[in-house]
Amino acid sequence: MNKNNSYCLVSEVEDNPRKFIDFLRLSQKHWNQTHILPNNSAFELKDEWIFRGNSNADWRLVPSAWRNNRIIESQIKNKKELLIKSGVKLENLPSYEDLYIEVENDIMRRFRDSLHDFGYPVEWANKRSVQKTCNFSEFLDVACVAQHHGIPTRLLDWTVNPITAAYFACEPSGRCKKAQKICVWALNIGSQMFKEEYGNIKIHEQPRNRNDYLRAQQALFTECSDGVEIHRKTGKWIGIEQKVEQYLNSNKEILINQNILVKVTLKKEHADEVVDILRKEGVSKSSIMPSLDNLASDTINNWELDKKF
């Protein structure tokens, strides 16, 4: 069942895991459409979709560092306390956003130095910067790797493969206990919104030959580059769904009939069935996060699933 809310098309495949997977396949016509702009038949826009799996359909499209992250918030609190102990008056303390930028730099610098020390082939890891605060773009290469290995960043990870996104939505170790539904988000970066470069949403695609996870997941990233400044003004972190909603509300009269954001949902109780279907098609934790540890984990999980289905 399809329905529209204020910013996206929601496709609910509530009780059928096979239909959920089939709907997501890139061969489906709804992912491969070309649109002609009004009053300009010579100009076409071709859909270009990227996908993200969430184990809770209620979660927003906000990166890990902006989700009241325990690590980030703890470090900001520590910095405040150290400044107060050193004699800085409350009214002279740096803003939350300035402290956030310092903490973000600290984490990236520490990870960069660890990559350098252990000889990992990440370009930025070979340069030990003495500068206290860097522009985010200066450690983008490291941030893309960090995001895939559990370090909170301002990046949101996506894939060009919707089946990979379906796996992440259902992956057993990442399940959200409170969730009633899982979902796959689809973002159309070929849409008019992105061609107009609206909303300061940057698309980052790093060379995948540098990292096994990036390569196996066909990964890329989005960044709301004005997110910190928006937080400085409003006290809230903005999500991509809000950017899409703002665009739609400000361009109601000129928009073509082209979806920008789609949310495909399934009841969480069917997640194991999705995982079983995907493993039979060769999609598993060890295929999209290749390592011997994950291969061993898959061996145990597949053994258990063989008893179940």
C-alpha atoms as a PDB file:
ATOM      1  CA  MET A   1       0.000   0.000   0.000  1.00  0.00           C
ATOM      2  CA  ASN A   2       1.351   3.413  -0.983  1.00  0.00           C
ATOM      3  CA  LYS A   3       0.519   6.649   0.799  1.00  0.00           C
ATOM      4  CA  ASN A   4       1.944  10.145   0.843  1.00  0.00           C
ATOM      5  CA  ASN A   5       2.856  12.200   3.886  1.00  0.00           C
ATOM      6  CA  SER A   6       4.147  15.753   3.816  1.00  0.00           C
ATOM      7  CA  TYR A   7       7.626  14.863   2.543  1.00  0.00           C
ATOM      8  CA  CYS A   8       7.791  11.337   1.135  1.00  0.00           C
ATOM      9  CA  LEU A   9       6.016   8.402  -0.420  1.00  0.00           C
ATOM     10  CA  VAL A  10       5.531   5.559   2.094  1.00  0.00           C
ATOM     11  CA  SER A  11       5.241   2.062   0.645  1.00  0.00           C
ATOM     12  CA  GLU A  12       3.964  -0.357   3.280  1.00  0.00           C
ATOM     13  CA  VAL A  13       4.640  -4.030   2.597  1.00  0.00           C
ATOM     14  CA  GLU A  14       3.382  -5.017   6.031  1.00  0.00           C
ATOM     15  CA  ASP A  15       3.149  -8.822   6.011  1.00  0.00           C
ATOM     16  CA  ASN A  16       5.071 -10.102   3.025  1.00  0.00           C
ATOM     17  CA  PRO A  17       8.880 -10.246   3.208  1.00  0.00           C
ATOM     18  CA  ARG A  18       9.179 -11.494  -0.378  1.00  0.00           C
ATOM     19  CA  LYS A  19       7.162  -8.564  -1.700  1.00  0.00           C
ATOM     20  CA  PHE A  20       9.312  -6.269   0.455  1.00  0.00           C
ATOM     21  CA  ILE A  21      12.483  -7.547  -1.230  1.00  0.00           C
ATOM     22  CA  ASP A  22      10.926  -7.624  -4.703  1.00  0.00           C
ATOM     23  CA  PHE A  23       9.705  -4.024  -4.348  1.00  0.00           C
ATOM     24  CA  LEU A  24      13.274  -2.967  -3.566  1.00  0.00           C
ATOM     25  CA  ARG A  25      14.983  -4.640  -6.516  1.00  0.00           C
ATOM     26  CA  LEU A  26      16.666  -2.154  -8.848  1.00  0.00           C
ATOM     27  CA  SER A  27      15.058  -3.822 -11.872  1.00  0.00           C
ATOM     28  CA  GLN A  28      11.656  -2.453 -10.793  1.00  0.00           C
ATOM     29  CA  LYS A  29      10.305   0.329 -13.012  1.00  0.00           C
ATOM     30  CA  HIS A  30       9.675   2.683 -10.090  1.00  0.00           C
ATOM     31  CA  TRP A  31      13.448   3.087  -9.582  1.00  0.00           C
ATOM     32  CA  ASN A  32      14.127   3.745 -13.270  1.00  0.00           C
ATOM     33  CA  GLN A  33      12.050   6.652 -14.483  1.00  0.00           C
ATOM     34  CA  THR A  34      12.843   9.709 -16.563  1.00  0.00           C
ATOM     35  CA  HIS A  35      10.951  12.959 -16.046  1.00  0.00           C
ATOM     36  CA  ILE A  36      10.442  15.928 -18.360  1.00  0.00           C
ATOM     37  CA  LEU A  37      10.441  19.364 -16.774  1.00  0.00           C
ATOM     38  CA  PRO A  38       7.304  21.499 -17.245  1.00  0.00           C
ATOM     39  CA  ASN A  39       7.640  24.020 -20.097  1.00  0.00           C
ATOM     40  CA  ASN A  40      10.969  22.507 -21.110  1.00  0.00           C
ATOM     41  CA  SER A  41      10.501  19.275 -23.017  1.00  0.00           C
ATOM     42  CA  ALA A  42      14.170  19.256 -24.029  1.00  0.00           C
ATOM     43  CA  PHE A  43      15.347  18.873 -20.424  1.00  0.00           C
ATOM     44  CA  GLU A  44      15.008  15.500 -18.710  1.00  0.00           C
ATOM     45  CA  LEU A  45      15.725  14.305 -15.194  1.00  0.00           C
ATOM     46  CA  LYS A  46      16.592  10.647 -14.688  1.00  0.00           C
ATOM     47  CA  ASP A  47      16.024   9.077 -11.281  1.00  0.00           C
ATOM     48  CA  GLU A  48      19.169   8.142  -9.374  1.00  0.00           C
ATOM     49  CA  TRP A  49      18.372   6.419  -6.088  1.00  0.00           C
ATOM     50  CA  ILE A  50      20.474   5.657  -3.026  1.00  0.00           C
ATOM     51  CA  PHE A  51      19.231   3.501  -0.133  1.00  0.00           C
ATOM     52  CA  ARG A  52      19.534   3.211   3.633  1.00  0.00           C
ATOM     53  CA  GLY A  53      18.199   0.479   5.926  1.00  0.00           C
ATOM     54  CA  ASN A  54      16.882   1.327   9.411  1.00  0.00           C
ATOM     55  CA  SER A  55      15.982  -1.280  12.026  1.00  0.00           C
ATOM     56  CA  ASN A  56      13.351   1.138  13.345  1.00  0.00           C
ATOM     57  CA  ALA A  57      11.044   2.819  10.820  1.00  0.00           C
ATOM     58  CA  ASP A  58      10.484   5.698  13.274  1.00  0.00           C
ATOM     59  CA  TRP A  59      14.117   6.791  13.235  1.00  0.00           C
ATOM     60  CA  ARG A  60      14.939  10.064  11.494  1.00  0.00           C
ATOM     61  CA  LEU A  61      17.570  10.552   8.804  1.00  0.00           C
ATOM     62  CA  VAL A  62      20.047  12.100  11.236  1.00  0.00           C
ATOM     63  CA  PRO A  63      23.714  10.978  11.519  1.00  0.00           C
ATOM     64  CA  SER A  64      25.052   9.180  14.577  1.00  0.00           C
ATOM     65  CA  ALA A  65      26.942  12.191  15.970  1.00  0.00           C
ATOM     66  CA  TRP A  66      23.705  14.194  16.024  1.00  0.00           C
ATOM     67  CA  ARG A  67      21.496  11.655  17.822  1.00  0.00           C
ATOM     68  CA  ASN A  68      22.271  12.736  21.375  1.00  0.00           C
ATOM     69  CA  ASN A  69      25.278  10.451  21.072  1.00  0.00           C
ATOM     70  CA  ARG A  70      26.660   9.306  24.434  1.00  0.00           C
ATOM     71  CA  ILE A  71      30.320   9.644  23.382  1.00  0.00           C
ATOM     72  CA  ILE A  72      29.912  13.101  21.856  1.00  0.00           C
ATOM     73  CA  GLU A  73      27.804  14.480  24.724  1.00  0.00           C
ATOM     74  CA  SER A  74      30.174  13.074  27.355  1.00  0.00           C
ATOM     75  CA  GLN A  75      33.192  14.709  25.713  1.00  0.00           C
ATOM     76  CA  ILE A  76      31.400  18.067  25.374  1.00  0.00           C
ATOM     77  CA  LYS A  77      30.492  17.892  29.073  1.00  0.00           C
ATOM     78  CA  ASN A  78      34.112  17.064  29.987  1.00  0.00           C
ATOM     79  CA  LYS A  79      35.419  20.015  27.994  1.00  0.00           C
ATOM     80  CA  LYS A  80      32.985  22.363  29.725  1.00  0.00           C
ATOM     81  CA  GLU A  81      33.959  21.094  33.166  1.00  0.00           C
ATOM     82  CA  LEU A  82      37.692  21.485  32.428  1.00  0.00           C
ATOM     83  CA  LEU A  83      37.166  25.056  31.247  1.00  0.00           C
ATOM     84  CA  ILE A  84      35.152  25.920  34.369  1.00  0.00           C
ATOM     85  CA  LYS A  85      37.820  24.367  36.611  1.00  0.00           C
ATOM     86  CA  SER A  86      40.456  26.426  34.812  1.00  0.00           C
ATOM     87  CA  GLY A  87      38.593  29.591  35.778  1.00  0.00           C
ATOM     88  CA  VAL A  88      36.545  30.364  32.669  1.00  0.00           C
ATOM     89  CA  LYS A  89      33.272  32.040  33.640  1.00  0.00           C
ATOM     90  CA  LEU A  90      29.994  30.488  32.497  1.00  0.00           C
ATOM     91  CA  GLU A  91      29.164  33.465  30.300  1.00  0.00           C
ATOM     92  CA  ASN A  92      32.517  33.119  28.538  1.00  0.00           C
ATOM     93  CA  LEU A  93      32.255  29.408  27.769  1.00  0.00           C
ATOM     94  CA  PRO A  94      32.337  28.396  24.085  1.00  0.00           C
ATOM     95  CA  SER A  95      28.966  27.589  22.561  1.00  0.00           C
ATOM     96  CA  TYR A  96      27.717  24.008  22.403  1.00  0.00           C
ATOM     97  CA  GLU A  97      28.354  24.052  18.642  1.00  0.00           C
ATOM     98  CA  ASP A  98      31.954  25.235  19.014  1.00  0.00           C
ATOM     99  CA  LEU A  99      32.588  22.507  21.582  1.00  0.00           C
ATOM    100  CA  TYR A 100      30.965  19.969  19.251  1.00  0.00           C
ATOM    101  CA  ILE A 101      33.374  20.962  16.461  1.00  0.00           C
ATOM    102  CA  GLU A 102      36.328  20.564  18.864  1.00  0.00           C
ATOM    103  CA  VAL A 103      35.116  17.113  19.920  1.00  0.00           C
ATOM    104  CA  GLU A 104      34.537  16.101  16.296  1.00  0.00           C
ATOM    105  CA  ASN A 105      38.102  17.142  15.486  1.00  0.00           C
ATOM    106  CA  ASP A 106      39.450  15.275  18.517  1.00  0.00           C
ATOM    107  CA  ILE A 107      37.771  12.010  17.507  1.00  0.00           C
ATOM    108  CA  MET A 108      38.862  12.233  13.883  1.00  0.00           C
ATOM    109  CA  ARG A 109      42.425  13.161  14.833  1.00  0.00           C
ATOM    110  CA  ARG A 110      42.693  10.244  17.261  1.00  0.00           C
ATOM    111  CA  PHE A 111      41.306   7.798  14.691  1.00  0.00           C
ATOM    112  CA  ARG A 112      43.544   9.276  11.976  1.00  0.00           C
ATOM    113  CA  ASP A 113      46.614   8.837  14.178  1.00  0.00           C
ATOM    114  CA  SER A 114      45.656   5.245  15.034  1.00  0.00           C
ATOM    115  CA  LEU A 115      45.232   4.440  11.324  1.00  0.00           C
ATOM    116  CA  HIS A 116      48.641   5.974  10.679  1.00  0.00           C
ATOM    117  CA  ASP A 117      50.317   4.102  13.549  1.00  0.00           C
ATOM    118  CA  PHE A 118      48.943   0.731  12.416  1.00  0.00           C
ATOM    119  CA  GLY A 119      49.673   1.330   8.744  1.00  0.00           C
ATOM    120  CA  TYR A 120      46.160   1.382   7.326  1.00  0.00           C
ATOM    121  CA  PRO A 121      45.994   2.782   3.761  1.00  0.00           C
ATOM    122  CA  VAL A 122      43.804   5.831   4.284  1.00  0.00           C
ATOM    123  CA  GLU A 123      45.085   8.950   2.518  1.00  0.00           C
ATOM    124  CA  TRP A 124      44.491  11.436   5.319  1.00  0.00           C
ATOM    125  CA  ALA A 125      46.023   9.043   7.867  1.00  0.00           C
ATOM    126  CA  ASN A 126      49.442   9.762   6.387  1.00  0.00           C
ATOM    127  CA  LYS A 127      49.284  13.434   7.410  1.00  0.00           C
ATOM    128  CA  ARG A 128      49.562  14.259  11.102  1.00  0.00           C
ATOM    129  CA  SER A 129      48.068  17.727  11.334  1.00  0.00           C
ATOM    130  CA  VAL A 130      49.214  19.961  14.185  1.00  0.00           C
ATOM    131  CA  GLN A 131      46.277  22.295  13.608  1.00  0.00           C
ATOM    132  CA  LYS A 132      43.832  22.215  16.519  1.00  0.00           C
ATOM    133  CA  THR A 133      40.652  22.673  14.476  1.00  0.00           C
ATOM    134  CA  CYS A 134      40.227  21.490  10.888  1.00  0.00           C
ATOM    135  CA  ASN A 135      37.460  21.997   8.395  1.00  0.00           C
ATOM    136  CA  PHE A 136      35.391  18.807   8.160  1.00  0.00           C
ATOM    137  CA  SER A 137      36.388  18.360   4.516  1.00  0.00           C
ATOM    138  CA  GLU A 138      40.022  17.974   5.619  1.00  0.00           C
ATOM    139  CA  PHE A 139      39.304  14.673   7.346  1.00  0.00           C
ATOM    140  CA  LEU A 140      36.494  13.432   5.082  1.00  0.00           C
ATOM    141  CA  ASP A 141      38.562  10.452   3.951  1.00  0.00           C
ATOM    142  CA  VAL A 142      39.000   9.271   7.533  1.00  0.00           C
ATOM    143  CA  ALA A 143      35.404  10.123   8.513  1.00  0.00           C
ATOM    144  CA  CYS A 144      34.047   7.822   5.790  1.00  0.00           C
ATOM    145  CA  VAL A 145      36.049   4.921   7.230  1.00  0.00           C
ATOM    146  CA  ALA A 146      35.180   5.899  10.816  1.00  0.00           C
ATOM    147  CA  GLN A 147      31.456   5.921  10.014  1.00  0.00           C
ATOM    148  CA  HIS A 148      31.638   2.319   8.824  1.00  0.00           C
ATOM    149  CA  HIS A 149      33.404   1.160  11.973  1.00  0.00           C
ATOM    150  CA  GLY A 150      31.231   2.559  14.740  1.00  0.00           C
ATOM    151  CA  ILE A 151      32.713   6.011  15.357  1.00  0.00           C
ATOM    152  CA  PRO A 152      30.023   8.733  15.482  1.00  0.00           C
ATOM    153  CA  THR A 153      30.302  11.241  12.624  1.00  0.00           C
ATOM    154  CA  ARG A 154      28.137  13.840  10.891  1.00  0.00           C
ATOM    155  CA  LEU A 155      27.905  11.510   7.857  1.00  0.00           C
ATOM    156  CA  LEU A 156      24.901   9.346   7.043  1.00  0.00           C
ATOM    157  CA  ASP A 157      25.811   6.169   5.182  1.00  0.00           C
ATOM    158  CA  TRP A 158      23.881   4.930   2.131  1.00  0.00           C
ATOM    159  CA  THR A 159      24.308   2.353  -0.606  1.00  0.00           C
ATOM    160  CA  VAL A 160      23.423   2.204  -4.279  1.00  0.00           C
ATOM    161  CA  ASN A 161      22.194  -1.369  -3.687  1.00  0.00           C
ATOM    162  CA  PRO A 162      18.705  -1.591  -2.096  1.00  0.00           C
ATOM    163  CA  ILE A 163      19.205  -5.255  -1.185  1.00  0.00           C
ATOM    164  CA  THR A 164      22.204  -4.305   0.949  1.00  0.00           C
ATOM    165  CA  ALA A 165      19.998  -1.686   2.644  1.00  0.00           C
ATOM    166  CA  ALA A 166      17.329  -4.358   3.265  1.00  0.00           C
ATOM    167  CA  TYR A 167      19.931  -6.495   5.030  1.00  0.00           C
ATOM    168  CA  PHE A 168      20.950  -3.646   7.327  1.00  0.00           C
ATOM    169  CA  ALA A 169      17.290  -2.994   8.176  1.00  0.00           C
ATOM    170  CA  CYS A 170      16.924  -6.624   9.310  1.00  0.00           C
ATOM    171  CA  GLU A 171      20.435  -7.537  10.507  1.00  0.00           C
ATOM    172  CA  PRO A 172      20.048  -9.494  13.793  1.00  0.00           C
ATOM    173  CA  SER A 173      22.751  -7.742  15.860  1.00  0.00           C
ATOM    174  CA  GLY A 174      21.403  -4.304  14.962  1.00  0.00           C
ATOM    175  CA  ARG A 175      17.757  -4.913  15.847  1.00  0.00           C
ATOM    176  CA  CYS A 176      15.876  -2.226  17.760  1.00  0.00           C
ATOM    177  CA  LYS A 177      13.804  -3.887  20.492  1.00  0.00           C
ATOM    178  CA  LYS A 178      11.233  -1.080  20.611  1.00  0.00           C
ATOM    179  CA  ALA A 179      10.600  -1.032  16.869  1.00  0.00           C
ATOM    180  CA  GLN A 180       7.321  -2.219  15.370  1.00  0.00           C
ATOM    181  CA  LYS A 181       8.506  -1.839  11.779  1.00  0.00           C
ATOM    182  CA  ILE A 182      11.777  -1.824   9.898  1.00  0.00           C
ATOM    183  CA  CYS A 183      12.287   0.269   6.775  1.00  0.00           C
ATOM    184  CA  VAL A 184      14.458   1.065   3.800  1.00  0.00           C
ATOM    185  CA  TRP A 185      14.744   4.733   2.891  1.00  0.00           C
ATOM    186  CA  ALA A 186      15.336   5.677  -0.761  1.00  0.00           C
ATOM    187  CA  LEU A 187      16.667   9.130  -1.654  1.00  0.00           C
ATOM    188  CA  ASN A 188      16.553  10.347  -5.248  1.00  0.00           C
ATOM    189  CA  ILE A 189      19.804  12.251  -5.784  1.00  0.00           C
ATOM    190  CA  GLY A 190      18.879  12.611  -9.456  1.00  0.00           C
ATOM    191  CA  SER A 191      15.842  14.685  -8.513  1.00  0.00           C
ATOM    192  CA  GLN A 192      15.220  18.338  -9.240  1.00  0.00           C
ATOM    193  CA  MET A 193      16.033  19.167  -5.599  1.00  0.00           C
ATOM    194  CA  PHE A 194      19.585  17.836  -5.942  1.00  0.00           C
ATOM    195  CA  LYS A 195      20.118  19.279  -9.422  1.00  0.00           C
ATOM    196  CA  GLU A 196      19.309  22.682  -7.910  1.00  0.00           C
ATOM    197  CA  GLU A 197      21.762  21.936  -5.060  1.00  0.00           C
ATOM    198  CA  TYR A 198      19.057  22.826  -2.560  1.00  0.00           C
ATOM    199  CA  GLY A 199      19.552  22.382   1.176  1.00  0.00           C
ATOM    200  CA  ASN A 200      23.345  22.057   1.393  1.00  0.00           C
ATOM    201  CA  ILE A 201      23.182  18.261   1.230  1.00  0.00           C
ATOM    202  CA  LYS A 202      26.544  17.027  -0.001  1.00  0.00           C
ATOM    203  CA  ILE A 203      27.060  13.597  -1.539  1.00  0.00           C
ATOM    204  CA  HIS A 204      30.432  12.020  -0.706  1.00  0.00           C
ATOM    205  CA  GLU A 205      31.641   8.978  -2.598  1.00  0.00           C
ATOM    206  CA  GLN A 206      35.113   7.822  -1.607  1.00  0.00           C
ATOM    207  CA  PRO A 207      37.250   5.431  -3.703  1.00  0.00           C
ATOM    208  CA  ARG A 208      35.951   2.002  -2.667  1.00  0.00           C
ATOM    209  CA  ASN A 209      39.236   0.209  -3.346  1.00  0.00           C
ATOM    210  CA  ARG A 210      40.608   1.688  -0.104  1.00  0.00           C
ATOM    211  CA  ASN A 211      38.291  -0.177   2.252  1.00  0.00           C
ATOM    212  CA  ASP A 212      36.631  -3.600   2.126  1.00  0.00           C
ATOM    213  CA  TYR A 213      33.398  -2.350   3.720  1.00  0.00           C
ATOM    214  CA  LEU A 214      33.020   0.576   1.325  1.00  0.00           C
ATOM    215  CA  ARG A 215      33.588  -1.736  -1.641  1.00  0.00           C
ATOM    216  CA  ALA A 216      31.316  -4.570  -0.522  1.00  0.00           C
ATOM    217  CA  GLN A 217      28.471  -2.246   0.472  1.00  0.00           C
ATOM    218  CA  GLN A 218      28.788   0.031  -2.600  1.00  0.00           C
ATOM    219  CA  ALA A 219      28.710   2.804  -0.048  1.00  0.00           C
ATOM    220  CA  LEU A 220      28.384   6.554  -0.249  1.00  0.00           C
ATOM    221  CA  PHE A 221      27.520   9.244   2.276  1.00  0.00           C
ATOM    222  CA  THR A 222      25.382  12.326   2.739  1.00  0.00           C
ATOM    223  CA  GLU A 223      26.320  15.363   4.819  1.00  0.00           C
ATOM    224  CA  CYS A 224      24.070  18.267   5.773  1.00  0.00           C
ATOM    225  CA  SER A 225      26.914  20.760   5.563  1.00  0.00           C
ATOM    226  CA  ASP A 226      24.949  23.538   7.279  1.00  0.00           C
ATOM    227  CA  GLY A 227      23.760  21.284  10.118  1.00  0.00           C
ATOM    228  CA  VAL A 228      25.989  22.819  12.799  1.00  0.00           C
ATOM    229  CA  GLU A 229      24.917  26.358  11.897  1.00  0.00           C
ATOM    230  CA  ILE A 230      21.242  25.322  11.893  1.00  0.00           C
ATOM    231  CA  HIS A 231      21.757  23.857  15.377  1.00  0.00           C
ATOM    232  CA  ARG A 232      23.408  27.121  16.441  1.00  0.00           C
ATOM    233  CA  LYS A 233      20.243  29.003  15.410  1.00  0.00           C
ATOM    234  CA  THR A 234      17.536  26.533  16.461  1.00  0.00           C
ATOM    235  CA  GLY A 235      19.080  24.224  19.080  1.00  0.00           C
ATOM    236  CA  LYS A 236      18.036  21.210  16.974  1.00  0.00           C
ATOM    237  CA  TRP A 237      19.815  18.888  14.576  1.00  0.00           C
ATOM    238  CA  ILE A 238      18.202  18.749  11.159  1.00  0.00           C
ATOM    239  CA  GLY A 239      17.442  15.540   9.256  1.00  0.00           C
ATOM    240  CA  ILE A 240      17.343  14.968   5.503  1.00  0.00           C
ATOM    241  CA  GLU A 241      13.587  14.359   5.634  1.00  0.00           C
ATOM    242  CA  GLN A 242      13.180  17.905   6.983  1.00  0.00           C
ATOM    243  CA  LYS A 243      15.290  19.284   4.130  1.00  0.00           C
ATOM    244  CA  VAL A 244      13.064  17.482   1.623  1.00  0.00           C
ATOM    245  CA  GLU A 245       9.929  18.781   3.329  1.00  0.00           C
ATOM    246  CA  GLN A 246      11.254  22.357   3.229  1.00  0.00           C
ATOM    247  CA  TYR A 247      12.017  22.013  -0.469  1.00  0.00           C
ATOM    248  CA  LEU A 248       8.580  20.630  -1.289  1.00  0.00           C
ATOM    249  CA  ASN A 249       6.845  23.370   0.703  1.00  0.00           C
ATOM    250  CA  SER A 250       8.811  26.123  -1.027  1.00  0.00           C
ATOM    251  CA  ASN A 251       8.431  24.767  -4.571  1.00  0.00           C
ATOM    252  CA  LYS A 252       4.835  23.540  -4.743  1.00  0.00           C
ATOM    253  CA  GLU A 253       4.047  25.294  -8.021  1.00  0.00           C
ATOM    254  CA  ILE A 254       7.074  24.238 -10.069  1.00  0.00           C
ATOM    255  CA  LEU A 255       7.674  20.645  -8.993  1.00  0.00           C
ATOM    256  CA  ILE A 256       7.409  17.854 -11.521  1.00  0.00           C
ATOM    257  CA  ASN A 257       5.830  14.549 -10.569  1.00  0.00           C
ATOM    258  CA  GLN A 258       9.066  13.040  -9.271  1.00  0.00           C
ATOM    259  CA  ASN A 259       9.509  11.355  -5.902  1.00  0.00           C
ATOM    260  CA  ILE A 260      12.453  12.605  -3.850  1.00  0.00           C
ATOM    261  CA  LEU A 261      12.147  10.409  -0.761  1.00  0.00           C
ATOM    262  CA  VAL A 262      10.545   6.968  -0.424  1.00  0.00           C
ATOM    263  CA  LYS A 263      10.169   4.889   2.729  1.00  0.00           C
ATOM    264  CA  VAL A 264       9.513   1.141   2.332  1.00  0.00           C
ATOM    265  CA  THR A 265       8.311  -0.498   5.562  1.00  0.00           C
ATOM    266  CA  LEU A 266       7.777  -4.031   6.862  1.00  0.00           C
ATOM    267  CA  LYS A 267       6.641  -5.347  10.245  1.00  0.00           C
ATOM    268  CA  LYS A 268       9.665  -6.235  12.381  1.00  0.00           C
ATOM    269  CA  GLU A 269       8.334  -9.742  13.028  1.00  0.00           C
ATOM    270  CA  HIS A 270       9.284 -10.642   9.435  1.00  0.00           C
ATOM    271  CA  ALA A 271      12.920  -9.526   9.730  1.00  0.00           C
ATOM    272  CA  ASP A 272      14.273 -13.068  10.211  1.00  0.00           C
ATOM    273  CA  GLU A 273      12.457 -14.189   7.068  1.00  0.00           C
ATOM    274  CA  VAL A 274      14.074 -11.375   5.089  1.00  0.00           C
ATOM    275  CA  VAL A 275      17.519 -12.341   6.422  1.00  0.00           C
ATOM    276  CA  ASP A 276      16.883 -15.975   5.419  1.00  0.00           C
ATOM    277  CA  ILE A 277      15.794 -15.032   1.886  1.00  0.00           C
ATOM    278  CA  LEU A 278      18.824 -12.784   1.464  1.00  0.00           C
ATOM    279  CA  ARG A 279      21.329 -15.340   2.760  1.00  0.00           C
ATOM    280  CA  LYS A 280      20.002 -17.826   0.171  1.00  0.00           C
ATOM    281  CA  GLU A 281      20.775 -15.152  -2.438  1.00  0.00           C
ATOM    282  CA  GLY A 282      24.303 -14.690  -1.092  1.00  0.00           C
ATOM    283  CA  VAL A 283      23.698 -11.532   0.955  1.00  0.00           C
ATOM    284  CA  SER A 284      24.932 -11.800   4.535  1.00  0.00           C
ATOM    285  CA  LYS A 285      26.979  -9.993   7.169  1.00  0.00           C
ATOM    286  CA  SER A 286      30.191 -11.542   5.849  1.00  0.00           C
ATOM    287  CA  SER A 287      29.407 -10.587   2.239  1.00  0.00           C
ATOM    288  CA  ILE A 288      28.798  -6.888   2.971  1.00  0.00           C
ATOM    289  CA  MET A 289      31.177  -6.538   5.959  1.00  0.00           C
ATOM    290  CA  PRO A 290      33.905  -8.969   4.897  1.00  0.00           C
ATOM    291  CA  SER A 291      36.099 -10.275   7.698  1.00  0.00           C
ATOM    292  CA  LEU A 292      36.922 -13.662   9.211  1.00  0.00           C
ATOM    293  CA  ASP A 293      35.053 -12.691  12.398  1.00  0.00           C
ATOM    294  CA  ASN A 294      31.867 -11.987  10.437  1.00  0.00           C
ATOM    295  CA  LEU A 295      32.310 -15.161   8.407  1.00  0.00           C
ATOM    296  CA  ALA A 296      32.461 -17.137  11.666  1.00  0.00           C
ATOM    297  CA  SER A 297      29.412 -15.273  12.978  1.00  0.00           C
ATOM    298  CA  ASP A 298      27.479 -16.057   9.781  1.00  0.00           C
ATOM    299  CA  THR A 299      28.387 -19.733  10.083  1.00  0.00           C
ATOM    300  CA  ILE A 300      26.795 -19.878  13.549  1.00  0.00           C
ATOM    301  CA  ASN A 301      23.756 -17.800  12.557  1.00  0.00           C
ATOM    302  CA  ASN A 302      23.116 -19.834   9.408  1.00  0.00           C
ATOM    303  CA  TRP A 303      23.290 -23.009  11.451  1.00  0.00           C
ATOM    304  CA  GLU A 304      20.598 -21.641  13.770  1.00  0.00           C
ATOM    305  CA  LEU A 305      18.442 -20.404  10.875  1.00  0.00           C
ATOM    306  CA  ASP A 306      18.616 -23.784   9.124  1.00  0.00           C
ATOM    307  CA  LYS A 307      16.852 -25.259  12.158  1.00  0.00           C
ATOM    308  CA  LYS A 308      14.237 -22.507  12.103  1.00  0.00           C
ATOM    309  CA  PHE A 309      13.122 -22.456   8.461  1.00  0.00           C
END
